[in-house]
Structures are given as structure tokens and as C-alpha cells.
C-alpha atoms as a PDB file:
ATOM      1  CA  MET A   1     -38.711  61.143  38.584  1.00  0.00           C
ATOM      2  CA  GLN A   2     -35.622  61.265  40.824  1.00  0.00           C
ATOM      3  CA  THR A   3     -36.090  59.150  43.982  1.00  0.00           C
ATOM      4  CA  ASN A   4     -39.354  57.647  42.685  1.00  0.00           C
ATOM      5  CA  THR A   5     -37.551  55.624  40.007  1.00  0.00           C
ATOM      6  CA  ILE A   6     -37.774  51.899  40.735  1.00  0.00           C
ATOM      7  CA  LYS A   7     -36.516  50.481  37.441  1.00  0.00           C
ATOM      8  CA  ALA A   8     -34.429  52.896  35.398  1.00  0.00           C
ATOM      9  CA  PRO A   9     -34.085  53.083  31.605  1.00  0.00           C
ATOM     10  CA  GLY A  10     -31.407  50.708  30.336  1.00  0.00           C
ATOM     11  CA  SER A  11     -32.249  47.943  32.809  1.00  0.00           C
ATOM     12  CA  LEU A  12     -34.070  45.947  30.077  1.00  0.00           C
ATOM     13  CA  ASP A  13     -37.758  46.036  29.221  1.00  0.00           C
ATOM     14  CA  ALA A  14     -39.996  48.593  30.947  1.00  0.00           C
ATOM     15  CA  SER A  15     -38.957  51.491  33.161  1.00  0.00           C
ATOM     16  CA  VAL A  16     -40.941  51.870  36.383  1.00  0.00           C
ATOM     17  CA  VAL A  17     -41.667  54.763  38.749  1.00  0.00           C
ATOM     18  CA  ARG A  18     -43.582  54.611  42.009  1.00  0.00           C
ATOM     19  CA  ILE A  19     -46.621  56.680  42.899  1.00  0.00           C
ATOM     20  CA  ARG A  20     -45.605  57.737  46.372  1.00  0.00           C
ATOM     21  CA  GLU A  21     -49.108  58.715  47.474  1.00  0.00           C
ATOM     22  CA  ASN A  22     -50.754  55.307  46.998  1.00  0.00           C
ATOM     23  CA  GLY A  23     -47.981  52.704  46.853  1.00  0.00           C
ATOM     24  CA  LYS A  24     -48.638  51.791  43.224  1.00  0.00           C
ATOM     25  CA  ALA A  25     -46.208  51.989  40.289  1.00  0.00           C
ATOM     26  CA  ILE A  26     -46.370  53.086  36.646  1.00  0.00           C
ATOM     27  CA  ALA A  27     -44.468  51.101  34.027  1.00  0.00           C
ATOM     28  CA  MET A  28     -43.539  52.499  30.609  1.00  0.00           C
ATOM     29  CA  SER A  29     -41.967  51.071  27.468  1.00  0.00           C
ATOM     30  CA  SER A  30     -41.421  52.347  23.928  1.00  0.00           C
ATOM     31  CA  ASP A  31     -40.807  49.967  21.046  1.00  0.00           C
ATOM     32  CA  CYS A  32     -40.882  49.410  17.297  1.00  0.00           C
ATOM     33  CA  ASN A  33     -39.077  47.133  14.838  1.00  0.00           C
ATOM     34  CA  PRO A  34     -38.698  48.931  11.463  1.00  0.00           C
ATOM     35  CA  ARG A  35     -37.733  45.681   9.706  1.00  0.00           C
ATOM     36  CA  TYR A  36     -41.071  44.114  10.634  1.00  0.00           C
ATOM     37  CA  ASN A  37     -42.872  47.199   9.334  1.00  0.00           C
ATOM     38  CA  TYR A  38     -40.925  47.171   6.074  1.00  0.00           C
ATOM     39  CA  ILE A  39     -42.010  43.622   5.212  1.00  0.00           C
ATOM     40  CA  ASP A  40     -45.543  44.017   6.613  1.00  0.00           C
ATOM     41  CA  PRO A  41     -46.685  47.561   7.530  1.00  0.00           C
ATOM     42  CA  LYS A  42     -49.924  46.435   9.173  1.00  0.00           C
ATOM     43  CA  GLY A  43     -48.552  43.439  11.050  1.00  0.00           C
ATOM     44  CA  GLY A  44     -45.389  45.301  12.015  1.00  0.00           C
ATOM     45  CA  ALA A  45     -47.390  48.112  13.619  1.00  0.00           C
ATOM     46  CA  ALA A  46     -49.522  45.591  15.485  1.00  0.00           C
ATOM     47  CA  ALA A  47     -46.357  43.824  16.617  1.00  0.00           C
ATOM     48  CA  ALA A  48     -45.023  47.118  18.008  1.00  0.00           C
ATOM     49  CA  VAL A  49     -48.129  47.448  20.184  1.00  0.00           C
ATOM     50  CA  MET A  50     -47.715  43.846  21.340  1.00  0.00           C
ATOM     51  CA  GLU A  51     -44.018  44.263  22.089  1.00  0.00           C
ATOM     52  CA  SER A  52     -44.375  47.469  24.083  1.00  0.00           C
ATOM     53  CA  GLY A  53     -47.228  45.908  26.042  1.00  0.00           C
ATOM     54  CA  ARG A  54     -45.226  42.737  26.629  1.00  0.00           C
ATOM     55  CA  ASN A  55     -42.364  44.794  28.047  1.00  0.00           C
ATOM     56  CA  VAL A  56     -44.735  46.469  30.502  1.00  0.00           C
ATOM     57  CA  ALA A  57     -46.261  43.127  31.507  1.00  0.00           C
ATOM     58  CA  MET A  58     -42.790  41.686  32.153  1.00  0.00           C
ATOM     59  CA  SER A  59     -42.387  44.222  34.964  1.00  0.00           C
ATOM     60  CA  GLY A  60     -45.574  42.948  36.612  1.00  0.00           C
ATOM     61  CA  ALA A  61     -47.720  45.873  35.469  1.00  0.00           C
ATOM     62  CA  ARG A  62     -50.931  45.589  33.486  1.00  0.00           C
ATOM     63  CA  PRO A  63     -50.728  47.421  30.116  1.00  0.00           C
ATOM     64  CA  LEU A  64     -53.410  50.106  29.898  1.00  0.00           C
ATOM     65  CA  ALA A  65     -52.918  52.559  27.024  1.00  0.00           C
ATOM     66  CA  ILE A  66     -50.545  53.759  24.312  1.00  0.00           C
ATOM     67  CA  THR A  67     -49.299  56.909  22.692  1.00  0.00           C
ATOM     68  CA  ASP A  68     -47.620  56.732  19.305  1.00  0.00           C
ATOM     69  CA  CYS A  69     -45.177  58.520  17.029  1.00  0.00           C
ATOM     70  CA  LEU A  70     -45.787  57.506  13.425  1.00  0.00           C
ATOM     71  CA  ASN A  71     -42.594  58.015  11.418  1.00  0.00           C
ATOM     72  CA  TYR A  72     -42.812  57.529   7.648  1.00  0.00           C
ATOM     73  CA  GLY A  73     -41.350  58.780   4.416  1.00  0.00           C
ATOM     74  CA  ASN A  74     -42.912  61.068   1.816  1.00  0.00           C
ATOM     75  CA  PRO A  75     -46.723  60.545   1.812  1.00  0.00           C
ATOM     76  CA  GLU A  76     -46.887  61.907  -1.746  1.00  0.00           C
ATOM     77  CA  ASN A  77     -45.343  58.579  -2.706  1.00  0.00           C
ATOM     78  CA  PRO A  78     -48.302  56.144  -3.039  1.00  0.00           C
ATOM     79  CA  GLU A  79     -46.320  53.280  -1.489  1.00  0.00           C
ATOM     80  CA  VAL A  80     -45.469  55.346   1.575  1.00  0.00           C
ATOM     81  CA  MET A  81     -49.079  56.465   1.952  1.00  0.00           C
ATOM     82  CA  TRP A  82     -50.105  52.801   1.759  1.00  0.00           C
ATOM     83  CA  GLN A  83     -47.561  51.949   4.476  1.00  0.00           C
ATOM     84  CA  PHE A  84     -48.957  54.722   6.654  1.00  0.00           C
ATOM     85  CA  ALA A  85     -52.563  53.623   6.186  1.00  0.00           C
ATOM     86  CA  LYS A  86     -51.735  49.989   6.903  1.00  0.00           C
ATOM     87  CA  GLY A  87     -49.755  50.999   9.982  1.00  0.00           C
ATOM     88  CA  CYS A  88     -52.772  52.823  11.383  1.00  0.00           C
ATOM     89  CA  GLU A  89     -54.927  49.765  10.696  1.00  0.00           C
ATOM     90  CA  GLY A  90     -52.452  47.523  12.525  1.00  0.00           C
ATOM     91  CA  ILE A  91     -52.354  49.781  15.586  1.00  0.00           C
ATOM     92  CA  LYS A  92     -56.157  49.947  15.684  1.00  0.00           C
ATOM     93  CA  GLU A  93     -56.491  46.171  15.404  1.00  0.00           C
ATOM     94  CA  ALA A  94     -53.940  45.453  18.141  1.00  0.00           C
ATOM     95  CA  CYS A  95     -55.258  48.085  20.539  1.00  0.00           C
ATOM     96  CA  LEU A  96     -58.805  46.749  20.215  1.00  0.00           C
ATOM     97  CA  ALA A  97     -57.685  43.153  20.780  1.00  0.00           C
ATOM     98  CA  LEU A  98     -55.399  43.986  23.708  1.00  0.00           C
ATOM     99  CA  ASN A  99     -57.659  46.587  25.338  1.00  0.00           C
ATOM    100  CA  THR A 100     -54.995  49.310  25.209  1.00  0.00           C
ATOM    101  CA  PRO A 101     -56.582  52.464  23.725  1.00  0.00           C
ATOM    102  CA  VAL A 102     -54.621  55.197  21.963  1.00  0.00           C
ATOM    103  CA  VAL A 103     -54.750  58.254  24.209  1.00  0.00           C
ATOM    104  CA  SER A 104     -52.434  60.548  22.233  1.00  0.00           C
ATOM    105  CA  GLY A 105     -49.906  60.575  19.427  1.00  0.00           C
ATOM    106  CA  ASN A 106     -48.199  62.442  16.624  1.00  0.00           C
ATOM    107  CA  VAL A 107     -47.085  61.930  13.042  1.00  0.00           C
ATOM    108  CA  SER A 108     -43.720  62.628  11.424  1.00  0.00           C
ATOM    109  CA  LEU A 109     -43.704  62.493   7.614  1.00  0.00           C
ATOM    110  CA  TYR A 110     -41.289  63.315   4.775  1.00  0.00           C
ATOM    111  CA  ASN A 111     -38.450  61.421   6.491  1.00  0.00           C
ATOM    112  CA  GLU A 112     -36.223  60.677   3.519  1.00  0.00           C
ATOM    113  CA  THR A 113     -32.748  61.258   2.126  1.00  0.00           C
ATOM    114  CA  GLU A 114     -32.239  61.869  -1.600  1.00  0.00           C
ATOM    115  CA  GLY A 115     -35.685  60.461  -2.343  1.00  0.00           C
ATOM    116  CA  VAL A 116     -35.259  57.300  -0.252  1.00  0.00           C
ATOM    117  CA  GLY A 117     -37.680  57.104   2.669  1.00  0.00           C
ATOM    118  CA  VAL A 118     -37.001  55.621   6.072  1.00  0.00           C
ATOM    119  CA  PHE A 119     -38.430  52.223   6.925  1.00  0.00           C
ATOM    120  CA  PRO A 120     -41.956  52.621   8.351  1.00  0.00           C
ATOM    121  CA  THR A 121     -41.422  53.226  12.077  1.00  0.00           C
ATOM    122  CA  PRO A 122     -44.643  53.556  14.090  1.00  0.00           C
ATOM    123  CA  SER A 123     -43.089  53.845  17.554  1.00  0.00           C
ATOM    124  CA  ILE A 124     -45.422  52.777  20.349  1.00  0.00           C
ATOM    125  CA  ALA A 125     -45.117  53.877  23.967  1.00  0.00           C
ATOM    126  CA  MET A 126     -47.167  51.747  26.359  1.00  0.00           C
ATOM    127  CA  VAL A 127     -48.038  52.655  29.949  1.00  0.00           C
ATOM    128  CA  GLY A 128     -49.269  50.217  32.578  1.00  0.00           C
ATOM    129  CA  LEU A 129     -50.103  50.029  36.273  1.00  0.00           C
ATOM    130  CA  ASN A 130     -48.704  47.791  38.990  1.00  0.00           C
ATOM    131  CA  ASP A 131     -50.922  47.788  42.090  1.00  0.00           C
ATOM    132  CA  ASP A 132     -47.914  47.224  44.362  1.00  0.00           C
ATOM    133  CA  ALA A 133     -44.698  49.203  43.906  1.00  0.00           C
ATOM    134  CA  ASN A 134     -42.934  46.575  46.021  1.00  0.00           C
ATOM    135  CA  ARG A 135     -43.655  43.883  43.448  1.00  0.00           C
ATOM    136  CA  VAL A 136     -41.824  45.178  40.400  1.00  0.00           C
ATOM    137  CA  LEU A 137     -40.194  42.343  38.452  1.00  0.00           C
ATOM    138  CA  PRO A 138     -36.580  42.783  37.354  1.00  0.00           C
ATOM    139  CA  SER A 139     -35.660  41.545  33.874  1.00  0.00           C
ATOM    140  CA  SER A 140     -32.231  40.052  34.595  1.00  0.00           C
ATOM    141  CA  PHE A 141     -31.080  37.034  36.597  1.00  0.00           C
ATOM    142  CA  GLN A 142     -31.337  37.288  40.387  1.00  0.00           C
ATOM    143  CA  LYS A 143     -29.832  34.189  42.002  1.00  0.00           C
ATOM    144  CA  GLU A 144     -27.571  31.277  41.087  1.00  0.00           C
ATOM    145  CA  GLY A 145     -29.430  27.973  41.009  1.00  0.00           C
ATOM    146  CA  ASN A 146     -32.827  29.367  40.048  1.00  0.00           C
ATOM    147  CA  PHE A 147     -34.629  27.679  37.168  1.00  0.00           C
ATOM    148  CA  LEU A 148     -35.375  29.240  33.777  1.00  0.00           C
ATOM    149  CA  TYR A 149     -38.546  28.639  31.786  1.00  0.00           C
ATOM    150  CA  LEU A 150     -39.365  29.494  28.193  1.00  0.00           C
ATOM    151  CA  LEU A 151     -42.985  30.586  27.839  1.00  0.00           C
ATOM    152  CA  GLY A 152     -44.845  30.310  24.539  1.00  0.00           C
ATOM    153  CA  ASP A 153     -44.302  28.519  21.239  1.00  0.00           C
ATOM    154  CA  THR A 154     -41.174  28.737  19.087  1.00  0.00           C
ATOM    155  CA  ASP A 155     -41.565  28.215  15.342  1.00  0.00           C
ATOM    156  CA  ASP A 156     -39.292  28.538  12.321  1.00  0.00           C
ATOM    157  CA  GLU A 157     -40.050  32.258  11.897  1.00  0.00           C
ATOM    158  CA  PHE A 158     -37.321  34.571  10.602  1.00  0.00           C
ATOM    159  CA  GLY A 159     -39.137  37.174   8.489  1.00  0.00           C
ATOM    160  CA  GLY A 160     -37.640  40.601   9.219  1.00  0.00           C
ATOM    161  CA  SER A 161     -35.362  39.022  11.820  1.00  0.00           C
ATOM    162  CA  LEU A 162     -31.958  40.084  13.046  1.00  0.00           C
ATOM    163  CA  TYR A 163     -30.659  36.628  12.060  1.00  0.00           C
ATOM    164  CA  LEU A 164     -31.688  37.183   8.434  1.00  0.00           C
ATOM    165  CA  LYS A 165     -30.224  40.693   8.425  1.00  0.00           C
ATOM    166  CA  VAL A 166     -26.857  39.623   9.880  1.00  0.00           C
ATOM    167  CA  PHE A 167     -26.301  36.403   7.941  1.00  0.00           C
ATOM    168  CA  ALA A 168     -28.028  37.198   4.625  1.00  0.00           C
ATOM    169  CA  ASN A 169     -27.988  41.020   4.675  1.00  0.00           C
ATOM    170  CA  ALA A 170     -31.686  40.888   3.841  1.00  0.00           C
ATOM    171  CA  VAL A 171     -34.862  42.446   5.179  1.00  0.00           C
ATOM    172  CA  ALA A 172     -37.455  40.082   3.754  1.00  0.00           C
ATOM    173  CA  GLY A 173     -39.789  37.203   4.461  1.00  0.00           C
ATOM    174  CA  GLU A 174     -43.099  36.741   6.215  1.00  0.00           C
ATOM    175  CA  LEU A 175     -43.821  38.274   9.610  1.00  0.00           C
ATOM    176  CA  PRO A 176     -44.138  35.805  12.533  1.00  0.00           C
ATOM    177  CA  LYS A 177     -47.721  34.823  13.314  1.00  0.00           C
ATOM    178  CA  ILE A 178     -49.754  37.247  15.427  1.00  0.00           C
ATOM    179  CA  ASP A 179     -52.081  35.696  18.017  1.00  0.00           C
ATOM    180  CA  TYR A 180     -53.632  38.240  20.371  1.00  0.00           C
ATOM    181  CA  LYS A 181     -55.150  35.550  22.603  1.00  0.00           C
ATOM    182  CA  LYS A 182     -51.717  34.026  23.204  1.00  0.00           C
ATOM    183  CA  GLU A 183     -50.300  37.471  23.867  1.00  0.00           C
ATOM    184  CA  LEU A 184     -52.947  38.257  26.484  1.00  0.00           C
ATOM    185  CA  LYS A 185     -52.452  34.886  28.180  1.00  0.00           C
ATOM    186  CA  LEU A 186     -48.713  35.528  28.394  1.00  0.00           C
ATOM    187  CA  TRP A 187     -49.340  38.924  30.007  1.00  0.00           C
ATOM    188  CA  GLU A 188     -51.846  37.384  32.422  1.00  0.00           C
ATOM    189  CA  LEU A 189     -49.450  34.622  33.464  1.00  0.00           C
ATOM    190  CA  VAL A 190     -46.570  36.949  34.256  1.00  0.00           C
ATOM    191  CA  ILE A 191     -48.705  39.607  35.987  1.00  0.00           C
ATOM    192  CA  GLU A 192     -50.596  37.138  38.174  1.00  0.00           C
ATOM    193  CA  ALA A 193     -47.609  34.867  38.885  1.00  0.00           C
ATOM    194  CA  ASN A 194     -45.732  37.950  40.057  1.00  0.00           C
ATOM    195  CA  LYS A 195     -48.553  38.796  42.469  1.00  0.00           C
ATOM    196  CA  LYS A 196     -48.188  35.290  43.925  1.00  0.00           C
ATOM    197  CA  SER A 197     -44.383  35.684  44.246  1.00  0.00           C
ATOM    198  CA  LEU A 198     -43.777  32.813  41.812  1.00  0.00           C
ATOM    199  CA  LEU A 199     -41.292  34.745  39.643  1.00  0.00           C
ATOM    200  CA  LEU A 200     -37.846  36.195  40.381  1.00  0.00           C
ATOM    201  CA  SER A 201     -37.383  37.893  36.985  1.00  0.00           C
ATOM    202  CA  ALA A 202     -38.977  38.006  33.551  1.00  0.00           C
ATOM    203  CA  LYS A 203     -37.902  39.163  30.103  1.00  0.00           C
ATOM    204  CA  ASP A 204     -39.738  38.902  26.827  1.00  0.00           C
ATOM    205  CA  VAL A 205     -38.176  37.180  23.823  1.00  0.00           C
ATOM    206  CA  ASN A 206     -37.920  39.552  20.872  1.00  0.00           C
ATOM    207  CA  VAL A 207     -35.123  40.623  18.497  1.00  0.00           C
ATOM    208  CA  GLY A 208     -32.499  37.878  18.255  1.00  0.00           C
ATOM    209  CA  GLY A 209     -34.699  35.242  19.851  1.00  0.00           C
ATOM    210  CA  VAL A 210     -33.961  33.127  22.919  1.00  0.00           C
ATOM    211  CA  ALA A 211     -30.190  33.401  22.452  1.00  0.00           C
ATOM    212  CA  LEU A 212     -30.097  37.191  22.716  1.00  0.00           C
ATOM    213  CA  THR A 213     -32.685  37.265  25.498  1.00  0.00           C
ATOM    214  CA  LEU A 214     -30.564  34.991  27.693  1.00  0.00           C
ATOM    215  CA  ALA A 215     -27.432  36.930  26.720  1.00  0.00           C
ATOM    216  CA  LYS A 216     -28.982  40.258  27.771  1.00  0.00           C
ATOM    217  CA  MET A 217     -30.234  38.843  31.076  1.00  0.00           C
ATOM    218  CA  SER A 218     -26.769  37.433  31.709  1.00  0.00           C
ATOM    219  CA  ALA A 219     -24.833  40.573  30.763  1.00  0.00           C
ATOM    220  CA  LEU A 220     -26.917  42.857  32.932  1.00  0.00           C
ATOM    221  CA  SER A 221     -26.943  40.575  35.969  1.00  0.00           C
ATOM    222  CA  GLY A 222     -23.385  39.225  35.855  1.00  0.00           C
ATOM    223  CA  PHE A 223     -24.706  35.663  36.203  1.00  0.00           C
ATOM    224  CA  GLY A 224     -24.335  32.969  33.578  1.00  0.00           C
ATOM    225  CA  THR A 225     -26.704  30.207  32.587  1.00  0.00           C
ATOM    226  CA  VAL A 226     -26.688  26.607  31.483  1.00  0.00           C
ATOM    227  CA  ALA A 227     -29.585  26.163  29.063  1.00  0.00           C
ATOM    228  CA  ASN A 228     -30.902  23.418  26.799  1.00  0.00           C
ATOM    229  CA  SER A 229     -33.554  24.710  24.428  1.00  0.00           C
ATOM    230  CA  THR A 230     -34.683  21.255  23.168  1.00  0.00           C
ATOM    231  CA  PHE A 231     -35.273  22.910  19.766  1.00  0.00           C
ATOM    232  CA  GLY A 232     -33.146  20.393  17.874  1.00  0.00           C
ATOM    233  CA  ASP A 233     -32.076  23.026  15.353  1.00  0.00           C
ATOM    234  CA  ALA A 234     -29.571  25.628  16.580  1.00  0.00           C
ATOM    235  CA  LYS A 235     -30.912  28.368  14.332  1.00  0.00           C
ATOM    236  CA  LEU A 236     -34.232  28.294  16.217  1.00  0.00           C
ATOM    237  CA  LEU A 237     -32.378  29.908  19.120  1.00  0.00           C
ATOM    238  CA  PHE A 238     -32.645  33.062  16.977  1.00  0.00           C
ATOM    239  CA  SER A 239     -36.266  32.633  15.867  1.00  0.00           C
ATOM    240  CA  GLU A 240     -38.372  35.724  16.565  1.00  0.00           C
ATOM    241  CA  SER A 241     -41.760  34.081  17.143  1.00  0.00           C
ATOM    242  CA  PHE A 242     -44.039  36.442  19.060  1.00  0.00           C
ATOM    243  CA  SER A 243     -45.695  36.076  22.490  1.00  0.00           C
ATOM    244  CA  ARG A 244     -42.757  34.473  24.310  1.00  0.00           C
ATOM    245  CA  ALA A 245     -40.756  35.183  27.445  1.00  0.00           C
ATOM    246  CA  ILE A 246     -38.035  33.820  29.719  1.00  0.00           C
ATOM    247  CA  VAL A 247     -38.873  33.712  33.437  1.00  0.00           C
ATOM    248  CA  GLU A 248     -36.746  32.876  36.475  1.00  0.00           C
ATOM    249  CA  VAL A 249     -38.395  30.578  39.021  1.00  0.00           C
ATOM    250  CA  GLU A 250     -37.547  29.011  42.375  1.00  0.00           C
ATOM    251  CA  ASP A 251     -40.645  26.891  43.125  1.00  0.00           C
ATOM    252  CA  THR A 252     -40.969  24.916  39.899  1.00  0.00           C
ATOM    253  CA  LYS A 253     -44.044  22.854  40.806  1.00  0.00           C
ATOM    254  CA  ALA A 254     -46.123  25.825  41.901  1.00  0.00           C
ATOM    255  CA  PHE A 255     -45.174  27.751  38.756  1.00  0.00           C
ATOM    256  CA  GLU A 256     -45.810  24.846  36.370  1.00  0.00           C
ATOM    257  CA  ASP A 257     -49.237  24.252  37.914  1.00  0.00           C
ATOM    258  CA  PHE A 258     -50.074  27.942  37.620  1.00  0.00           C
ATOM    259  CA  ALA A 259     -48.919  28.164  33.983  1.00  0.00           C
ATOM    260  CA  ARG A 260     -50.974  25.086  33.139  1.00  0.00           C
ATOM    261  CA  ASN A 261     -54.088  26.666  34.667  1.00  0.00           C
ATOM    262  CA  ILE A 262     -53.586  29.868  32.667  1.00  0.00           C
ATOM    263  CA  GLY A 263     -52.998  27.861  29.485  1.00  0.00           C
ATOM    264  CA  VAL A 264     -49.473  28.973  28.579  1.00  0.00           C
ATOM    265  CA  LYS A 265     -46.818  26.518  27.437  1.00  0.00           C
ATOM    266  CA  ALA A 266     -43.929  26.609  29.943  1.00  0.00           C
ATOM    267  CA  VAL A 267     -40.771  24.557  29.333  1.00  0.00           C
ATOM    268  CA  LYS A 268     -37.888  24.388  31.791  1.00  0.00           C
ATOM    269  CA  ILE A 269     -34.783  25.150  29.730  1.00  0.00           C
ATOM    270  CA  GLY A 270     -32.008  25.738  32.251  1.00  0.00           C
ATOM    271  CA  ILE A 271     -30.642  27.245  35.440  1.00  0.00           C
ATOM    272  CA  VAL A 272     -28.873  30.425  36.472  1.00  0.00           C
ATOM    273  CA  SER A 273     -25.140  29.732  36.915  1.00  0.00           C
ATOM    274  CA  THR A 274     -21.962  31.694  37.530  1.00  0.00           C
ATOM    275  CA  ASP A 275     -19.369  32.620  34.953  1.00  0.00           C
ATOM    276  CA  LYS A 276     -20.466  31.307  31.530  1.00  0.00           C
ATOM    277  CA  LEU A 277     -23.424  31.633  29.190  1.00  0.00           C
ATOM    278  CA  THR A 278     -23.958  28.157  27.736  1.00  0.00           C
ATOM    279  CA  ILE A 279     -26.871  27.365  25.422  1.00  0.00           C
ATOM    280  CA  ASP A 280     -27.140  23.897  23.872  1.00  0.00           C
ATOM    281  CA  SER A 281     -23.883  23.067  22.102  1.00  0.00           C
ATOM    282  CA  ALA A 282     -24.134  26.244  20.022  1.00  0.00           C
ATOM    283  CA  ILE A 283     -23.128  29.027  22.431  1.00  0.00           C
ATOM    284  CA  ASN A 284     -20.470  29.090  25.144  1.00  0.00           C
ATOM    285  CA  ILE A 285     -19.117  32.473  26.221  1.00  0.00           C
ATOM    286  CA  ASP A 286     -17.545  33.858  29.369  1.00  0.00           C
ATOM    287  CA  VAL A 287     -19.857  36.327  31.141  1.00  0.00           C
ATOM    288  CA  LYS A 288     -17.127  38.963  31.459  1.00  0.00           C
ATOM    289  CA  LYS A 289     -16.508  38.831  27.717  1.00  0.00           C
ATOM    290  CA  LEU A 290     -20.254  39.004  27.131  1.00  0.00           C
ATOM    291  CA  GLN A 291     -20.517  42.083  29.363  1.00  0.00           C
ATOM    292  CA  ASP A 292     -17.681  43.761  27.475  1.00  0.00           C
ATOM    293  CA  LEU A 293     -19.498  43.145  24.181  1.00  0.00           C
ATOM    294  CA  TYR A 294     -22.810  44.346  25.585  1.00  0.00           C
ATOM    295  CA  PHE A 295     -21.630  47.486  27.356  1.00  0.00           C
ATOM    296  CA  ASN A 296     -18.608  48.606  25.309  1.00  0.00           C
ATOM    297  CA  SER A 297     -19.178  47.684  21.633  1.00  0.00           C
ATOM    298  CA  PHE A 298     -21.125  50.844  20.831  1.00  0.00           C
ATOM    299  CA  LYS A 299     -18.507  53.012  22.537  1.00  0.00           C
ATOM    300  CA  ARG A 300     -15.717  51.382  20.526  1.00  0.00           C
ATOM    301  CA  LEU A 301     -17.684  51.823  17.297  1.00  0.00           C
ATOM    302  CA  ILE A 302     -18.298  55.514  17.941  1.00  0.00           C
ATOM    303  CA  GLU A 303     -14.701  56.190  18.973  1.00  0.00           C
ATOM    304  CA  GLN A 304     -12.989  54.197  16.214  1.00  0.00           C
ATOM    305  CA  ASP A 305     -12.208  57.265  14.093  1.00  0.00           C
ATOM    306  CA  LEU A 306     -11.272  59.630  16.923  1.00  0.00           C
END
């Protein structure tokens, strides 16, 4: 898209390109969590639709339609065929509830090594429209002193989570609750608040929970944060409850009133700061160290045997 790119890949959440002829912008995001699909093929596929749509909404665009790439193992294996069927059901259910029809797609089967199939991976690519290319929301911190709000409800939900994988080496449990009405309200809040210039940035909460969301926003922006989650239990910082987001706000009263009218829970959890990422008493890390971890860890892993 060359000079029409507004928000490039790698800048968190959706990528955005302008439509030069009419001043609008198209937002795009592709997403899927194979761990969710392994523990719940139907719910995991629905969650992929929700997540890709949430990413688009976080840019200020309204999600409109999806294409998919359904990646599964050997369909001659009854369990794999069941995963595939349930995945299709989950996509259908989510697309109907969220008003995002499937306009195209493809299927990739027989993905296995020595008889062991890949985790079900129904990748979803969502496209959405922003009526004003000048109102594209970034997804990293913009200004020191701005306030941070957590949108949505956080519960003790760790099924298929990164936390469970890292600390217990397990892919198990029950998928977080799916509530399409809450998801749509979250989209509506961010899209409409952006139109009213109430938001400076927005990022959805997904893999790794609130802790990783704040860490990503910090690493990409170079700003730190001082946050107090009010969860009471440090592990809830890593909960992966659905339909949540972090937003950056300047006018707190106007935003709180607007969120209340939409019907989305909005809790002020912190401010944008300078050189450290501090969350409760659980996390305290220098932003430069955080950026090194974020941008260079993969490079070091790949080059370790060179």
C-alpha cells in the first residue's frame, strides 16, 4: 500500500491503510489462538473471530467481514474431523452474533508430523472501515500523564492461557466465558469514543492478560506506566478473560460518563509515566530492558546456534 499505510504491521493490533479517494480507512487484523482451539474447538474458533474483530475496533474502525484459513490435522482421524466441524460451528455462531459475514476462505488439512496433528488453527482475518482516515487510534502510549482505563470484567479464567502454559507446561482447562453482547458493547465504546476524540490510544487485552498488554504498549511507545489493577490477586494480571481493553484518556470525566452510557465497565488503573513499567507490587521493570526483551529476544533465540 506504500504511502497509503497509516498503521503498519507490527505496530500492535490492526494495520490500517487509507482510501485516498474518499478520506476513509480500511483496518485489517488476523488472529487465532491454537491453545484455545485445542481445549474447545468451537469456542476457540468463535474467540478468534472476536479477537480479530476487537483488534480492528481498537483502531477506531467498525468490523465488517472476515475471511478464514482453517488449518487442521488429518480429517480421516475422527477427532480431527470433529474439531473441524466444531470450528466451523464456532465461526458461524460468532459471525452471526457480531454481524461480520464470511466473504471468503480456504481450508488446509493433513497438517501433521509422524501422525501427530497440529492444534486446530482456524485463522481469522477481519476487515473494518473507519469513516475518517484522520481518526485512526494508535495502540501504544502517546503522552506522559495521560490516564489508563481497563474496560470490561476480569475473572479467574486461565483455560488455554499463556500463564498456564509457561508455569505448568499445560494446555488445558475451560475456555473463558464468551459474551457477544459484551464484545459488541466494547467495540461500540471504543469506536464512538474515538469519533468524539475521547481516546488517545487503545489496545485489547488478550494473550498474557493485562500485564502483557501494558508491557506491549510500553515497549512500543517507550513510555512507562504506574498501574494499580485493584485485582487483589497478582495472578489475575495474567487472566485472559475476553472482551477487555486498555484505553488511554485525557478527559476522565467525559470518558467515564460516555462509558457509563454505553454500559461498559471502565476502571481507572494508572497513568502513563516515563522510564519504568510498574504494575501493583508484582511487576517493576525498566522500559529500556523491556524494549530489549520485546524487540531482541526472538533474534537472540534464532541466532543462538550460529
